[in-house]
Amino acid sequence: MCEGLFDALSLRQALGLRRFVILGGTANVPEVLPLLARLQPQTVILVLDRDQAGREAAQYLLRRINVGKVYSVDLGPHKDPNEALTSGYEMSFIDITHLTPSGARALARQLLNEIPQLSPKR
């Protein structure tokens, strides 16, 4: 999921991604939730611009999407995928599933299971 066509083309060239939801700007973010509910993807790659509107839109989506895995893309110091690609920056995936409500619950369960059970002292 990205904001514009050039972002999608850049992600395709840099990372080989083939399927996109192109938002056409962050104002359209609420419209994508019914689409995600209908498509029921197991994985979402969320790559919005690194500006205030992009950060707010990403936070909005992360609080509301319910998928198995969510990734972002490391853009380094660049504002969007096209800028990262044209600068020669090597983009890579970042697992951000733990930032979703279901991901945070799963991470908490995993961490709690790793804590040794304390037995009461006598």
C-alpha atoms as a PDB file:
ATOM      1  CA  MET A   1       0.000   0.000   0.000  1.00  0.00           C
ATOM      2  CA  CYS A   2       1.496   3.306  -1.043  1.00  0.00           C
ATOM      3  CA  GLU A   3       0.416   6.847  -1.853  1.00  0.00           C
ATOM      4  CA  GLY A   4       1.125   7.219  -5.557  1.00  0.00           C
ATOM      5  CA  LEU A   5       1.907   5.539  -8.856  1.00  0.00           C
ATOM      6  CA  PHE A   6       5.596   6.518  -8.839  1.00  0.00           C
ATOM      7  CA  ASP A   7       5.914   5.027  -5.350  1.00  0.00           C
ATOM      8  CA  ALA A   8       4.440   1.758  -6.632  1.00  0.00           C
ATOM      9  CA  LEU A   9       6.714   1.678  -9.675  1.00  0.00           C
ATOM     10  CA  SER A  10       9.738   2.382  -7.477  1.00  0.00           C
ATOM     11  CA  LEU A  11       8.796  -0.409  -5.044  1.00  0.00           C
ATOM     12  CA  ARG A  12       8.319  -2.779  -7.952  1.00  0.00           C
ATOM     13  CA  GLN A  13      11.735  -1.946  -9.359  1.00  0.00           C
ATOM     14  CA  ALA A  14      13.580  -1.995  -6.024  1.00  0.00           C
ATOM     15  CA  LEU A  15      11.883  -4.893  -4.254  1.00  0.00           C
ATOM     16  CA  GLY A  16       9.958  -6.800  -6.918  1.00  0.00           C
ATOM     17  CA  LEU A  17       6.534  -6.079  -5.428  1.00  0.00           C
ATOM     18  CA  ARG A  18       3.720  -6.775  -7.871  1.00  0.00           C
ATOM     19  CA  ARG A  19       0.351  -5.971  -6.258  1.00  0.00           C
ATOM     20  CA  PHE A  20      -0.505  -2.553  -4.915  1.00  0.00           C
ATOM     21  CA  VAL A  21      -3.223  -0.498  -3.378  1.00  0.00           C
ATOM     22  CA  ILE A  22      -2.389   3.027  -4.517  1.00  0.00           C
ATOM     23  CA  LEU A  23      -4.140   5.482  -2.248  1.00  0.00           C
ATOM     24  CA  GLY A  24      -3.827   8.587  -4.396  1.00  0.00           C
ATOM     25  CA  GLY A  25      -3.024  10.527  -1.226  1.00  0.00           C
ATOM     26  CA  THR A  26      -3.540  10.072   2.480  1.00  0.00           C
ATOM     27  CA  ALA A  27      -7.047  11.574   2.398  1.00  0.00           C
ATOM     28  CA  ASN A  28      -8.229   8.282   0.894  1.00  0.00           C
ATOM     29  CA  VAL A  29      -6.950   6.103   3.754  1.00  0.00           C
ATOM     30  CA  PRO A  30     -10.385   5.516   5.381  1.00  0.00           C
ATOM     31  CA  GLU A  31     -11.652   4.180   2.035  1.00  0.00           C
ATOM     32  CA  VAL A  32      -9.121   1.330   2.047  1.00  0.00           C
ATOM     33  CA  LEU A  33     -10.392  -0.362   5.224  1.00  0.00           C
ATOM     34  CA  PRO A  34     -13.500  -1.899   3.548  1.00  0.00           C
ATOM     35  CA  LEU A  35     -11.269  -3.053   0.686  1.00  0.00           C
ATOM     36  CA  LEU A  36      -8.904  -4.790   3.108  1.00  0.00           C
ATOM     37  CA  ALA A  37     -11.854  -6.380   4.896  1.00  0.00           C
ATOM     38  CA  ARG A  38     -13.170  -7.693   1.578  1.00  0.00           C
ATOM     39  CA  LEU A  39      -9.787  -8.934   0.267  1.00  0.00           C
ATOM     40  CA  GLN A  40      -8.657 -10.388   3.620  1.00  0.00           C
ATOM     41  CA  PRO A  41      -4.924 -10.314   2.837  1.00  0.00           C
ATOM     42  CA  GLN A  42      -2.592 -12.241   5.131  1.00  0.00           C
ATOM     43  CA  THR A  43       0.155  -9.649   4.698  1.00  0.00           C
ATOM     44  CA  VAL A  44       0.165  -5.891   4.108  1.00  0.00           C
ATOM     45  CA  ILE A  45       3.214  -3.841   3.189  1.00  0.00           C
ATOM     46  CA  LEU A  46       2.540  -0.284   4.271  1.00  0.00           C
ATOM     47  CA  VAL A  47       4.796   2.333   2.642  1.00  0.00           C
ATOM     48  CA  LEU A  48       3.486   5.851   3.093  1.00  0.00           C
ATOM     49  CA  ASP A  49       5.457   9.063   2.695  1.00  0.00           C
ATOM     50  CA  ARG A  50       7.647  10.163   5.582  1.00  0.00           C
ATOM     51  CA  ASP A  51       5.815  13.424   6.119  1.00  0.00           C
ATOM     52  CA  GLN A  52       3.244  14.390   8.763  1.00  0.00           C
ATOM     53  CA  ALA A  53       0.259  13.264   6.678  1.00  0.00           C
ATOM     54  CA  GLY A  54       1.928   9.928   5.879  1.00  0.00           C
ATOM     55  CA  ARG A  55       2.808   9.260   9.512  1.00  0.00           C
ATOM     56  CA  GLU A  56      -0.735  10.075  10.660  1.00  0.00           C
ATOM     57  CA  ALA A  57      -2.238   7.865   7.948  1.00  0.00           C
ATOM     58  CA  ALA A  58       0.079   4.977   8.885  1.00  0.00           C
ATOM     59  CA  GLN A  59      -0.906   5.286  12.551  1.00  0.00           C
ATOM     60  CA  TYR A  60      -4.597   5.363  11.577  1.00  0.00           C
ATOM     61  CA  LEU A  61      -4.222   2.184   9.526  1.00  0.00           C
ATOM     62  CA  LEU A  62      -2.070   0.363  12.075  1.00  0.00           C
ATOM     63  CA  ARG A  63      -4.768   0.875  14.733  1.00  0.00           C
ATOM     64  CA  ARG A  64      -7.461  -0.561  12.467  1.00  0.00           C
ATOM     65  CA  ILE A  65      -6.117  -3.264  10.169  1.00  0.00           C
ATOM     66  CA  ASN A  66      -6.450  -6.904  11.118  1.00  0.00           C
ATOM     67  CA  VAL A  67      -3.992  -8.999   9.119  1.00  0.00           C
ATOM     68  CA  GLY A  68      -1.430 -11.633   9.985  1.00  0.00           C
ATOM     69  CA  LYS A  69       1.699  -9.636   9.101  1.00  0.00           C
ATOM     70  CA  VAL A  70       2.416  -5.968   8.450  1.00  0.00           C
ATOM     71  CA  TYR A  71       5.656  -4.734   6.960  1.00  0.00           C
ATOM     72  CA  SER A  72       7.031  -1.347   6.089  1.00  0.00           C
ATOM     73  CA  VAL A  73      10.023  -0.503   3.939  1.00  0.00           C
ATOM     74  CA  ASP A  74      13.181   1.154   5.192  1.00  0.00           C
ATOM     75  CA  LEU A  75      13.528   4.300   3.090  1.00  0.00           C
ATOM     76  CA  GLY A  76      16.493   5.650   5.028  1.00  0.00           C
ATOM     77  CA  PRO A  77      16.469   9.456   5.094  1.00  0.00           C
ATOM     78  CA  HIS A  78      14.212   9.682   2.028  1.00  0.00           C
ATOM     79  CA  LYS A  79      10.624  10.905   1.990  1.00  0.00           C
ATOM     80  CA  ASP A  80       9.182   8.264  -0.335  1.00  0.00           C
ATOM     81  CA  PRO A  81      10.118   5.150  -2.334  1.00  0.00           C
ATOM     82  CA  ASN A  82      10.813   7.076  -5.537  1.00  0.00           C
ATOM     83  CA  GLU A  83      13.283   9.385  -3.799  1.00  0.00           C
ATOM     84  CA  ALA A  84      14.969   6.400  -2.157  1.00  0.00           C
ATOM     85  CA  LEU A  85      15.243   4.562  -5.479  1.00  0.00           C
ATOM     86  CA  THR A  86      16.603   7.526  -7.458  1.00  0.00           C
ATOM     87  CA  SER A  87      19.198   8.216  -4.753  1.00  0.00           C
ATOM     88  CA  GLY A  88      20.459   4.632  -4.957  1.00  0.00           C
ATOM     89  CA  TYR A  89      19.357   3.749  -1.409  1.00  0.00           C
ATOM     90  CA  GLU A  90      18.942  -0.001  -0.872  1.00  0.00           C
ATOM     91  CA  MET A  91      15.430  -0.427   0.512  1.00  0.00           C
ATOM     92  CA  SER A  92      14.550  -3.368   2.759  1.00  0.00           C
ATOM     93  CA  PHE A  93      11.505  -4.718   4.587  1.00  0.00           C
ATOM     94  CA  ILE A  94      10.801  -4.057   8.283  1.00  0.00           C
ATOM     95  CA  ASP A  95       8.321  -6.183  10.240  1.00  0.00           C
ATOM     96  CA  ILE A  96       5.953  -3.795  12.049  1.00  0.00           C
ATOM     97  CA  THR A  97       3.243  -6.314  12.944  1.00  0.00           C
ATOM     98  CA  HIS A  98       3.789  -5.570  16.641  1.00  0.00           C
ATOM     99  CA  LEU A  99       2.396  -2.063  16.042  1.00  0.00           C
ATOM    100  CA  THR A 100      -1.088  -3.415  15.274  1.00  0.00           C
ATOM    101  CA  PRO A 101      -3.504  -4.343  18.091  1.00  0.00           C
ATOM    102  CA  SER A 102      -3.529  -8.045  17.165  1.00  0.00           C
ATOM    103  CA  GLY A 103       0.249  -8.041  16.667  1.00  0.00           C
ATOM    104  CA  ALA A 104       0.814  -6.402  20.038  1.00  0.00           C
ATOM    105  CA  ARG A 105      -1.376  -9.022  21.743  1.00  0.00           C
ATOM    106  CA  ALA A 106       0.496 -11.849  20.015  1.00  0.00           C
ATOM    107  CA  LEU A 107       3.856 -10.358  20.995  1.00  0.00           C
ATOM    108  CA  ALA A 108       2.698  -9.965  24.608  1.00  0.00           C
ATOM    109  CA  ARG A 109       1.548 -13.618  24.707  1.00  0.00           C
ATOM    110  CA  GLN A 110       4.878 -14.735  23.254  1.00  0.00           C
ATOM    111  CA  LEU A 111       6.871 -12.720  25.780  1.00  0.00           C
ATOM    112  CA  LEU A 112       4.746 -13.946  28.688  1.00  0.00           C
ATOM    113  CA  ASN A 113       5.277 -17.551  27.596  1.00  0.00           C
ATOM    114  CA  GLU A 114       9.043 -16.990  27.640  1.00  0.00           C
ATOM    115  CA  ILE A 115       9.051 -15.800  31.270  1.00  0.00           C
ATOM    116  CA  PRO A 116       9.790 -18.683  33.628  1.00  0.00           C
ATOM    117  CA  GLN A 117       6.955 -19.385  36.002  1.00  0.00           C
ATOM    118  CA  LEU A 118       7.825 -18.360  39.541  1.00  0.00           C
ATOM    119  CA  SER A 119       7.017 -20.869  42.198  1.00  0.00           C
ATOM    120  CA  PRO A 120       5.965 -19.533  45.592  1.00  0.00           C
ATOM    121  CA  LYS A 121       8.655 -19.580  48.269  1.00  0.00           C
ATOM    122  CA  ARG A 122       7.951 -21.607  51.362  1.00  0.00           C
END
